[in-house]
N, C-alpha and C. Protein backbone atom coordinates (compact mmCIF):
# COMPACT_ATOMS: atom_id res chain seq x y z
N UNK A 1 124.13 94.43 107.20
CA UNK A 1 124.24 93.00 107.26
C UNK A 1 123.19 92.42 106.32
N UNK A 2 123.57 91.47 105.47
CA UNK A 2 122.66 90.81 104.55
C UNK A 2 122.24 89.47 105.12
N UNK A 3 120.91 89.24 105.22
CA UNK A 3 120.35 87.96 105.67
C UNK A 3 119.27 87.60 104.67
N UNK A 4 119.35 86.40 104.10
CA UNK A 4 118.36 85.93 103.12
C UNK A 4 118.20 86.92 101.96
N UNK A 5 119.27 87.57 101.55
CA UNK A 5 119.21 88.50 100.43
C UNK A 5 118.55 89.82 100.74
N UNK A 6 118.21 90.10 102.01
CA UNK A 6 117.57 91.36 102.38
C UNK A 6 118.49 92.12 103.33
N UNK A 7 118.46 93.42 103.21
CA UNK A 7 119.32 94.27 104.02
C UNK A 7 118.72 94.45 105.41
N UNK A 8 119.53 94.24 106.42
CA UNK A 8 119.13 94.42 107.82
C UNK A 8 120.17 95.31 108.49
N UNK A 9 119.75 96.06 109.49
CA UNK A 9 120.73 96.74 110.32
C UNK A 9 120.14 96.93 111.70
N UNK A 10 121.02 97.04 112.68
CA UNK A 10 120.60 97.21 114.06
C UNK A 10 120.62 98.69 114.40
N UNK A 11 119.56 99.14 115.04
CA UNK A 11 119.44 100.53 115.42
C UNK A 11 119.22 100.57 116.93
N UNK A 12 119.91 101.47 117.60
CA UNK A 12 119.68 101.66 119.03
C UNK A 12 118.64 102.76 119.16
N UNK A 13 117.51 102.41 119.76
CA UNK A 13 116.41 103.36 119.93
C UNK A 13 116.23 103.56 121.42
N UNK A 14 116.20 104.80 121.84
CA UNK A 14 116.08 105.10 123.27
C UNK A 14 114.82 104.46 123.83
N UNK A 15 114.99 103.67 124.87
CA UNK A 15 113.87 103.03 125.53
C UNK A 15 113.38 101.77 124.87
N UNK A 16 113.82 101.46 123.66
CA UNK A 16 113.33 100.30 122.95
C UNK A 16 114.36 99.18 122.85
N UNK A 17 115.62 99.48 123.05
CA UNK A 17 116.65 98.46 122.89
C UNK A 17 117.09 98.37 121.45
N UNK A 18 117.79 97.32 121.13
CA UNK A 18 118.31 97.14 119.78
C UNK A 18 117.25 96.56 118.86
N UNK A 19 117.21 97.07 117.63
CA UNK A 19 116.26 96.60 116.62
C UNK A 19 117.02 96.18 115.37
N UNK A 20 116.57 95.11 114.73
CA UNK A 20 117.06 94.75 113.41
C UNK A 20 115.96 95.15 112.44
N UNK A 21 116.32 95.90 111.41
CA UNK A 21 115.33 96.44 110.48
C UNK A 21 115.45 95.77 109.13
N UNK A 22 114.31 95.38 108.56
CA UNK A 22 114.24 94.85 107.21
C UNK A 22 113.63 95.95 106.34
N UNK A 23 114.38 96.34 105.32
CA UNK A 23 113.94 97.40 104.42
C UNK A 23 113.26 96.79 103.21
N UNK A 24 112.30 97.49 102.61
CA UNK A 24 111.60 96.97 101.44
C UNK A 24 112.45 97.02 100.17
N UNK A 25 113.53 97.78 100.21
CA UNK A 25 114.46 97.88 99.09
C UNK A 25 115.83 98.21 99.69
N UNK A 26 116.88 98.09 98.92
CA UNK A 26 118.21 98.38 99.49
C UNK A 26 118.28 99.80 100.08
N UNK A 27 118.96 99.90 101.20
CA UNK A 27 119.08 101.18 101.90
C UNK A 27 119.71 102.26 101.02
N UNK A 28 120.65 101.87 100.17
CA UNK A 28 121.29 102.84 99.27
C UNK A 28 120.26 103.47 98.32
N UNK A 29 119.29 102.67 97.84
CA UNK A 29 118.24 103.21 96.97
C UNK A 29 117.34 104.19 97.73
N UNK A 30 117.05 103.84 98.97
CA UNK A 30 116.21 104.72 99.80
C UNK A 30 116.93 106.05 100.02
N UNK A 31 118.21 105.98 100.37
CA UNK A 31 118.98 107.20 100.61
C UNK A 31 119.11 108.03 99.34
N UNK A 32 119.30 107.40 98.21
CA UNK A 32 119.39 108.11 96.93
C UNK A 32 118.07 108.82 96.63
N UNK A 33 116.98 108.13 96.88
CA UNK A 33 115.67 108.72 96.64
C UNK A 33 115.44 109.93 97.54
N UNK A 34 115.89 109.83 98.79
CA UNK A 34 115.74 110.95 99.72
C UNK A 34 116.53 112.16 99.23
N UNK A 35 117.73 111.92 98.70
CA UNK A 35 118.54 113.03 98.20
C UNK A 35 117.86 113.72 97.01
N UNK A 36 117.18 112.93 96.16
CA UNK A 36 116.54 113.50 94.97
C UNK A 36 115.14 114.05 95.25
N UNK A 37 114.38 113.37 96.07
CA UNK A 37 112.99 113.77 96.31
C UNK A 37 112.78 114.41 97.68
N UNK A 38 113.81 114.38 98.51
CA UNK A 38 113.82 114.95 99.85
C UNK A 38 112.92 114.24 100.84
N UNK A 39 112.34 113.10 100.45
CA UNK A 39 111.52 112.33 101.39
C UNK A 39 111.36 110.89 100.91
N UNK A 40 110.99 110.03 101.83
CA UNK A 40 110.70 108.62 101.50
C UNK A 40 109.67 108.11 102.49
N UNK A 41 108.74 107.27 102.01
CA UNK A 41 107.75 106.64 102.87
C UNK A 41 107.67 105.17 102.51
N UNK A 42 107.52 104.35 103.52
CA UNK A 42 107.39 102.91 103.29
C UNK A 42 107.18 102.16 104.59
N UNK A 43 107.02 100.86 104.47
CA UNK A 43 106.86 100.01 105.65
C UNK A 43 108.17 99.30 105.96
N UNK A 44 108.51 99.29 107.22
CA UNK A 44 109.70 98.60 107.70
C UNK A 44 109.26 97.56 108.72
N UNK A 45 110.04 96.49 108.81
CA UNK A 45 109.81 95.49 109.84
C UNK A 45 111.00 95.50 110.77
N UNK A 46 110.74 95.85 112.02
CA UNK A 46 111.78 95.82 113.05
C UNK A 46 111.64 94.52 113.83
N UNK A 47 112.77 93.93 114.18
CA UNK A 47 112.77 92.76 115.06
C UNK A 47 113.65 93.10 116.25
N UNK A 48 113.09 92.96 117.44
CA UNK A 48 113.86 93.24 118.65
C UNK A 48 114.78 92.07 118.94
N UNK A 49 115.69 92.27 119.85
CA UNK A 49 116.63 91.19 120.21
C UNK A 49 115.91 89.96 120.74
N UNK A 50 114.73 90.15 121.37
CA UNK A 50 114.00 89.00 121.89
C UNK A 50 113.10 88.35 120.83
N UNK A 51 113.15 88.85 119.58
CA UNK A 51 112.43 88.22 118.47
C UNK A 51 111.07 88.82 118.17
N UNK A 52 110.65 89.82 118.90
CA UNK A 52 109.36 90.47 118.66
C UNK A 52 109.42 91.26 117.36
N UNK A 53 108.44 91.02 116.48
CA UNK A 53 108.39 91.74 115.20
C UNK A 53 107.46 92.94 115.32
N UNK A 54 107.91 94.07 114.82
CA UNK A 54 107.14 95.32 114.85
C UNK A 54 107.11 95.86 113.43
N UNK A 55 105.90 96.05 112.90
CA UNK A 55 105.75 96.64 111.57
C UNK A 55 105.46 98.12 111.75
N UNK A 56 106.21 98.95 111.05
CA UNK A 56 106.03 100.40 111.19
C UNK A 56 105.83 101.05 109.83
N UNK A 57 105.00 102.10 109.83
CA UNK A 57 104.90 102.98 108.67
C UNK A 57 105.97 104.04 108.91
N UNK A 58 106.95 104.10 108.02
CA UNK A 58 108.10 104.96 108.23
C UNK A 58 108.11 106.10 107.23
N UNK A 59 108.45 107.30 107.73
CA UNK A 59 108.57 108.50 106.88
C UNK A 59 109.92 109.13 107.18
N UNK A 60 110.70 109.34 106.12
CA UNK A 60 112.02 109.94 106.26
C UNK A 60 112.03 111.25 105.48
N UNK A 61 112.56 112.30 106.08
CA UNK A 61 112.63 113.61 105.43
C UNK A 61 114.07 114.11 105.51
N UNK A 62 114.55 114.60 104.38
CA UNK A 62 115.91 115.14 104.30
C UNK A 62 115.99 116.47 105.06
N UNK A 63 117.04 116.63 105.84
CA UNK A 63 117.29 117.88 106.57
C UNK A 63 118.46 118.59 105.90
N UNK A 64 118.34 119.90 105.80
CA UNK A 64 119.40 120.70 105.18
C UNK A 64 119.93 121.72 106.19
N UNK A 65 121.20 122.07 106.01
CA UNK A 65 121.80 123.08 106.88
C UNK A 65 121.46 124.48 106.35
N UNK A 66 122.06 125.51 106.95
CA UNK A 66 121.79 126.90 106.56
C UNK A 66 122.13 127.19 105.11
N UNK A 67 123.12 126.44 104.59
CA UNK A 67 123.56 126.66 103.21
C UNK A 67 122.77 125.82 102.21
N UNK A 68 121.79 125.04 102.69
CA UNK A 68 120.99 124.22 101.79
C UNK A 68 121.61 122.86 101.49
N UNK A 69 122.68 122.53 102.19
CA UNK A 69 123.34 121.24 101.97
C UNK A 69 122.69 120.17 102.86
N UNK A 70 122.55 118.94 102.33
CA UNK A 70 121.99 117.86 103.16
C UNK A 70 122.86 117.64 104.39
N UNK A 71 122.22 117.60 105.55
CA UNK A 71 122.99 117.41 106.78
C UNK A 71 122.45 116.26 107.63
N UNK A 72 121.38 115.64 107.21
CA UNK A 72 120.83 114.52 107.96
C UNK A 72 119.41 114.20 107.52
N UNK A 73 118.81 113.26 108.24
CA UNK A 73 117.44 112.87 107.95
C UNK A 73 116.65 112.77 109.25
N UNK A 74 115.39 113.13 109.18
CA UNK A 74 114.48 112.89 110.29
C UNK A 74 113.64 111.67 109.90
N UNK A 75 113.49 110.78 110.86
CA UNK A 75 112.72 109.57 110.61
C UNK A 75 111.59 109.48 111.63
N UNK A 76 110.37 109.23 111.14
CA UNK A 76 109.23 109.05 112.01
C UNK A 76 108.60 107.70 111.72
N UNK A 77 108.43 106.90 112.76
CA UNK A 77 107.85 105.57 112.60
C UNK A 77 106.58 105.46 113.43
N UNK A 78 105.53 104.93 112.82
CA UNK A 78 104.28 104.65 113.51
C UNK A 78 104.08 103.15 113.53
N UNK A 79 103.89 102.58 114.70
CA UNK A 79 103.69 101.14 114.86
C UNK A 79 102.32 100.76 114.29
N UNK A 80 102.32 99.93 113.24
CA UNK A 80 101.08 99.48 112.62
C UNK A 80 100.95 97.96 112.71
N UNK A 81 101.67 97.36 113.65
CA UNK A 81 101.65 95.90 113.80
C UNK A 81 100.24 95.38 114.04
N UNK A 82 99.53 96.00 114.96
CA UNK A 82 98.17 95.54 115.29
C UNK A 82 97.23 95.72 114.10
N UNK A 83 97.37 96.82 113.37
CA UNK A 83 96.55 97.06 112.19
C UNK A 83 96.76 95.96 111.16
N UNK A 84 98.02 95.58 110.93
CA UNK A 84 98.32 94.51 109.97
C UNK A 84 97.74 93.17 110.43
N UNK A 85 97.82 92.91 111.75
CA UNK A 85 97.28 91.67 112.28
C UNK A 85 95.76 91.62 112.08
N UNK A 86 95.08 92.73 112.35
CA UNK A 86 93.63 92.79 112.19
C UNK A 86 93.26 92.66 110.71
N UNK A 87 94.02 93.28 109.82
CA UNK A 87 93.76 93.17 108.39
C UNK A 87 93.87 91.73 107.92
N UNK A 88 94.88 91.01 108.42
CA UNK A 88 95.04 89.60 108.05
C UNK A 88 93.88 88.77 108.57
N UNK A 89 93.45 89.04 109.82
CA UNK A 89 92.32 88.31 110.39
C UNK A 89 91.04 88.59 109.60
N UNK A 90 90.84 89.83 109.20
CA UNK A 90 89.66 90.20 108.42
C UNK A 90 89.68 89.50 107.06
N UNK A 91 90.84 89.47 106.42
CA UNK A 91 90.96 88.80 105.14
C UNK A 91 90.65 87.31 105.28
N UNK A 92 91.18 86.69 106.35
CA UNK A 92 90.91 85.28 106.60
C UNK A 92 89.41 85.05 106.80
N UNK A 93 88.77 85.94 107.55
CA UNK A 93 87.33 85.84 107.81
C UNK A 93 86.53 85.99 106.51
N UNK A 94 86.94 86.94 105.67
CA UNK A 94 86.26 87.14 104.39
C UNK A 94 86.41 85.92 103.49
N UNK A 95 87.58 85.29 103.50
CA UNK A 95 87.78 84.08 102.70
C UNK A 95 86.88 82.97 103.20
N UNK A 96 86.79 82.81 104.53
CA UNK A 96 85.93 81.79 105.09
C UNK A 96 84.46 82.05 104.74
N UNK A 97 84.04 83.30 104.82
CA UNK A 97 82.67 83.65 104.46
C UNK A 97 82.41 83.36 102.99
N UNK A 98 83.39 83.62 102.15
CA UNK A 98 83.27 83.35 100.72
C UNK A 98 83.10 81.85 100.47
N UNK A 99 83.88 81.05 101.18
CA UNK A 99 83.75 79.60 101.05
C UNK A 99 82.37 79.16 101.52
N UNK A 100 81.89 79.76 102.60
CA UNK A 100 80.55 79.43 103.09
C UNK A 100 79.47 79.77 102.09
N UNK A 101 79.59 80.93 101.45
CA UNK A 101 78.60 81.31 100.43
C UNK A 101 78.65 80.34 99.25
N UNK A 102 79.86 79.94 98.87
CA UNK A 102 79.99 78.99 97.78
C UNK A 102 79.36 77.65 98.16
N UNK A 103 79.57 77.22 99.42
CA UNK A 103 78.99 75.96 99.87
C UNK A 103 77.46 76.05 99.89
N UNK A 104 76.93 77.20 100.31
CA UNK A 104 75.48 77.37 100.32
C UNK A 104 74.92 77.32 98.90
N UNK A 105 75.63 77.92 97.96
CA UNK A 105 75.20 77.88 96.56
C UNK A 105 75.23 76.45 96.04
N UNK A 106 76.30 75.74 96.37
CA UNK A 106 76.42 74.34 95.94
C UNK A 106 75.30 73.50 96.55
N UNK A 107 75.02 73.72 97.84
CA UNK A 107 73.94 72.98 98.50
C UNK A 107 72.60 73.27 97.82
N UNK A 108 72.39 74.52 97.44
CA UNK A 108 71.15 74.88 96.75
C UNK A 108 71.06 74.15 95.41
N UNK A 109 72.17 74.11 94.69
CA UNK A 109 72.17 73.43 93.39
C UNK A 109 71.95 71.92 93.52
N UNK A 110 72.41 71.36 94.62
CA UNK A 110 72.18 69.93 94.87
C UNK A 110 70.73 69.71 95.29
N UNK A 111 70.19 70.63 96.08
CA UNK A 111 68.85 70.48 96.62
C UNK A 111 67.77 70.54 95.53
N UNK A 112 67.95 71.36 94.52
CA UNK A 112 66.93 71.49 93.48
C UNK A 112 66.58 70.16 92.81
N UNK A 113 67.55 69.41 92.27
CA UNK A 113 67.16 68.14 91.65
C UNK A 113 66.66 67.12 92.68
N UNK A 114 67.18 67.17 93.91
CA UNK A 114 66.69 66.24 94.94
C UNK A 114 65.23 66.51 95.25
N UNK A 115 64.84 67.78 95.29
CA UNK A 115 63.45 68.13 95.54
C UNK A 115 62.56 67.60 94.42
N UNK A 116 63.01 67.73 93.20
CA UNK A 116 62.22 67.24 92.06
C UNK A 116 62.05 65.72 92.13
N UNK A 117 63.13 65.01 92.42
CA UNK A 117 63.06 63.55 92.51
C UNK A 117 62.15 63.14 93.67
N UNK A 118 62.27 63.80 94.81
CA UNK A 118 61.42 63.50 95.97
C UNK A 118 59.95 63.70 95.62
N UNK A 119 59.63 64.79 94.94
CA UNK A 119 58.25 65.05 94.54
C UNK A 119 57.73 63.99 93.58
N UNK A 120 58.59 63.58 92.64
CA UNK A 120 58.17 62.54 91.70
C UNK A 120 57.93 61.21 92.42
N UNK A 121 58.78 60.87 93.38
CA UNK A 121 58.59 59.64 94.15
C UNK A 121 57.29 59.71 94.95
N UNK A 122 56.99 60.88 95.52
CA UNK A 122 55.73 61.05 96.26
C UNK A 122 54.54 60.87 95.34
N UNK A 123 54.59 61.51 94.18
CA UNK A 123 53.48 61.39 93.22
C UNK A 123 53.33 59.95 92.72
N UNK A 124 54.45 59.28 92.52
CA UNK A 124 54.39 57.89 92.07
C UNK A 124 53.72 57.01 93.11
N UNK A 125 53.90 57.32 94.38
CA UNK A 125 53.27 56.54 95.44
C UNK A 125 51.75 56.70 95.43
N UNK A 126 51.26 57.76 94.82
CA UNK A 126 49.82 58.02 94.79
C UNK A 126 49.10 57.24 93.68
N UNK A 127 49.83 56.57 92.83
CA UNK A 127 49.22 55.78 91.76
C UNK A 127 48.35 54.70 92.40
N UNK A 128 47.09 54.58 91.92
CA UNK A 128 46.11 53.71 92.57
C UNK A 128 46.46 52.23 92.52
N UNK A 129 46.80 51.71 91.38
CA UNK A 129 47.01 50.27 91.23
C UNK A 129 48.46 49.87 91.42
N UNK A 130 49.21 50.62 92.17
CA UNK A 130 50.63 50.35 92.39
C UNK A 130 50.78 49.21 93.40
N UNK A 131 51.57 48.19 93.06
CA UNK A 131 51.77 47.09 94.02
C UNK A 131 52.41 47.61 95.31
N UNK A 132 52.07 46.96 96.43
CA UNK A 132 52.59 47.40 97.73
C UNK A 132 54.11 47.38 97.78
N UNK A 133 54.75 46.40 97.12
CA UNK A 133 56.21 46.33 97.15
C UNK A 133 56.82 47.54 96.44
N UNK A 134 56.22 47.97 95.33
CA UNK A 134 56.72 49.15 94.61
C UNK A 134 56.51 50.40 95.45
N UNK A 135 55.32 50.48 96.11
CA UNK A 135 55.03 51.63 96.96
C UNK A 135 56.05 51.71 98.10
N UNK A 136 56.40 50.54 98.65
CA UNK A 136 57.39 50.49 99.74
C UNK A 136 58.76 50.96 99.25
N UNK A 137 59.14 50.52 98.05
CA UNK A 137 60.44 50.94 97.48
C UNK A 137 60.46 52.44 97.19
N UNK A 138 59.33 52.98 96.71
CA UNK A 138 59.26 54.42 96.47
C UNK A 138 59.39 55.19 97.79
N UNK A 139 58.72 54.70 98.82
CA UNK A 139 58.82 55.33 100.14
C UNK A 139 60.24 55.27 100.68
N UNK A 140 60.89 54.11 100.49
CA UNK A 140 62.28 53.97 100.93
C UNK A 140 63.19 54.95 100.19
N UNK A 141 62.96 55.08 98.89
CA UNK A 141 63.76 56.02 98.09
C UNK A 141 63.58 57.45 98.58
N UNK A 142 62.31 57.83 98.86
CA UNK A 142 62.06 59.18 99.38
C UNK A 142 62.77 59.40 100.71
N UNK A 143 62.72 58.40 101.60
CA UNK A 143 63.36 58.54 102.91
C UNK A 143 64.87 58.66 102.77
N UNK A 144 65.43 57.90 101.84
CA UNK A 144 66.89 57.97 101.63
C UNK A 144 67.30 59.34 101.10
N UNK A 145 66.52 59.87 100.19
CA UNK A 145 66.83 61.21 99.66
C UNK A 145 66.68 62.24 100.76
N UNK A 146 65.58 62.15 101.52
CA UNK A 146 65.36 63.11 102.60
C UNK A 146 66.47 63.03 103.65
N UNK A 147 67.00 61.84 103.90
CA UNK A 147 68.08 61.68 104.88
C UNK A 147 69.34 62.42 104.44
N UNK A 148 69.55 62.54 103.14
CA UNK A 148 70.73 63.24 102.63
C UNK A 148 70.53 64.73 102.48
N UNK A 149 69.32 65.19 102.59
CA UNK A 149 69.02 66.60 102.36
C UNK A 149 69.36 67.54 103.50
N UNK A 150 69.50 67.12 104.75
CA UNK A 150 69.81 68.12 105.78
C UNK A 150 71.07 68.92 105.47
N UNK A 151 72.01 68.32 104.79
CA UNK A 151 73.22 69.03 104.41
C UNK A 151 72.88 70.22 103.53
N UNK A 152 71.90 70.03 102.66
CA UNK A 152 71.58 71.10 101.72
C UNK A 152 70.39 71.94 102.15
N UNK A 153 69.92 71.79 103.38
CA UNK A 153 68.76 72.55 103.85
C UNK A 153 69.07 74.02 104.05
N UNK A 154 70.31 74.38 104.28
CA UNK A 154 70.64 75.80 104.35
C UNK A 154 71.02 76.30 105.72
N UNK A 155 70.50 75.73 106.80
CA UNK A 155 70.82 76.26 108.13
C UNK A 155 72.30 76.22 108.41
N UNK A 156 72.93 75.09 108.21
CA UNK A 156 74.36 74.96 108.50
C UNK A 156 75.16 75.84 107.55
N UNK A 157 74.79 75.86 106.29
CA UNK A 157 75.55 76.65 105.31
C UNK A 157 75.37 78.13 105.57
N UNK A 158 74.20 78.53 106.05
CA UNK A 158 73.97 79.95 106.33
C UNK A 158 74.90 80.43 107.45
N UNK A 159 75.13 79.57 108.44
CA UNK A 159 76.02 79.99 109.53
C UNK A 159 77.46 80.07 109.07
N UNK A 160 77.83 79.27 108.08
CA UNK A 160 79.18 79.36 107.53
C UNK A 160 79.28 80.59 106.64
N UNK A 161 78.24 80.85 105.85
CA UNK A 161 78.28 81.97 104.92
C UNK A 161 78.31 83.31 105.65
N UNK A 162 77.74 83.36 106.85
CA UNK A 162 77.73 84.61 107.61
C UNK A 162 78.18 84.31 109.03
N UNK A 163 79.51 84.21 109.26
CA UNK A 163 80.00 83.84 110.58
C UNK A 163 79.68 84.88 111.66
N UNK A 164 79.34 86.10 111.28
CA UNK A 164 79.02 87.13 112.27
C UNK A 164 77.59 86.94 112.80
N UNK A 165 76.79 86.10 112.15
CA UNK A 165 75.42 85.86 112.57
C UNK A 165 75.18 84.35 112.64
N UNK A 166 75.83 83.66 113.59
CA UNK A 166 75.67 82.22 113.64
C UNK A 166 74.26 81.83 114.07
N UNK A 167 73.78 80.76 113.50
CA UNK A 167 72.46 80.26 113.86
C UNK A 167 72.63 78.85 114.41
N UNK A 168 71.81 78.53 115.39
CA UNK A 168 71.84 77.15 115.86
C UNK A 168 70.97 76.34 114.91
N UNK A 169 71.27 75.09 114.77
CA UNK A 169 70.47 74.25 113.90
C UNK A 169 70.26 72.91 114.58
N UNK A 170 69.06 72.39 114.45
CA UNK A 170 68.77 71.12 115.11
C UNK A 170 69.41 69.97 114.37
N UNK A 171 69.63 68.91 115.10
CA UNK A 171 70.09 67.68 114.47
C UNK A 171 68.86 67.01 113.89
N UNK A 172 68.86 66.76 112.60
CA UNK A 172 67.68 66.20 111.94
C UNK A 172 67.93 64.72 111.70
N UNK A 173 67.01 63.90 112.20
CA UNK A 173 67.11 62.45 111.99
C UNK A 173 65.83 61.99 111.31
N UNK A 174 65.98 61.12 110.36
CA UNK A 174 64.82 60.56 109.69
C UNK A 174 64.74 59.09 110.04
N UNK A 175 63.52 58.65 110.33
CA UNK A 175 63.32 57.27 110.69
C UNK A 175 62.15 56.74 109.89
N UNK A 176 62.38 55.65 109.24
CA UNK A 176 61.34 55.02 108.44
C UNK A 176 61.01 53.68 109.08
N UNK A 177 59.84 53.55 109.70
CA UNK A 177 59.50 52.30 110.36
C UNK A 177 59.45 51.13 109.40
N UNK A 178 59.24 51.39 108.09
CA UNK A 178 59.20 50.31 107.11
C UNK A 178 60.56 49.65 106.92
N UNK A 179 61.65 50.38 107.26
CA UNK A 179 62.99 49.85 107.04
C UNK A 179 63.45 48.96 108.20
N UNK A 180 62.77 49.03 109.35
CA UNK A 180 63.21 48.23 110.50
C UNK A 180 62.56 46.88 110.54
């Protein structure tokens, strides 16, 4: 039976019920290969009547009679559904960790110029003859920069970059009494 351009067939398996099998290539090609190479290995997806999908590593071996003529095939299937599910979860986790590392790198790159500007604002506040209004504006600028820096401080990004080692991080609030 052809569904969505892929070959399917129902197999009655003792104790398992009816299965619909999706082959990685046309069944005729698989059978031809078995006749020439006497074996075939690949992954098949079985779907039970209730819709449960089972991924199996399948091995087929050609059987011959006493005269050496092909008389059938032996098929062995190992259920690898859980292995495939775990592999997908691991891949998803690795992608998330990669995004976390990229975010940590980006935060570091943002933090470097912010640190330089903050230091310059601090040094500018130390100028002796600086008017109080300018000193207040420099302090306000430093507080505004510092308020934006918790994102790039690293604690949050480190927990994203390494989800297997989560760290708690405090909520950082900056308060400038000069602004109230």
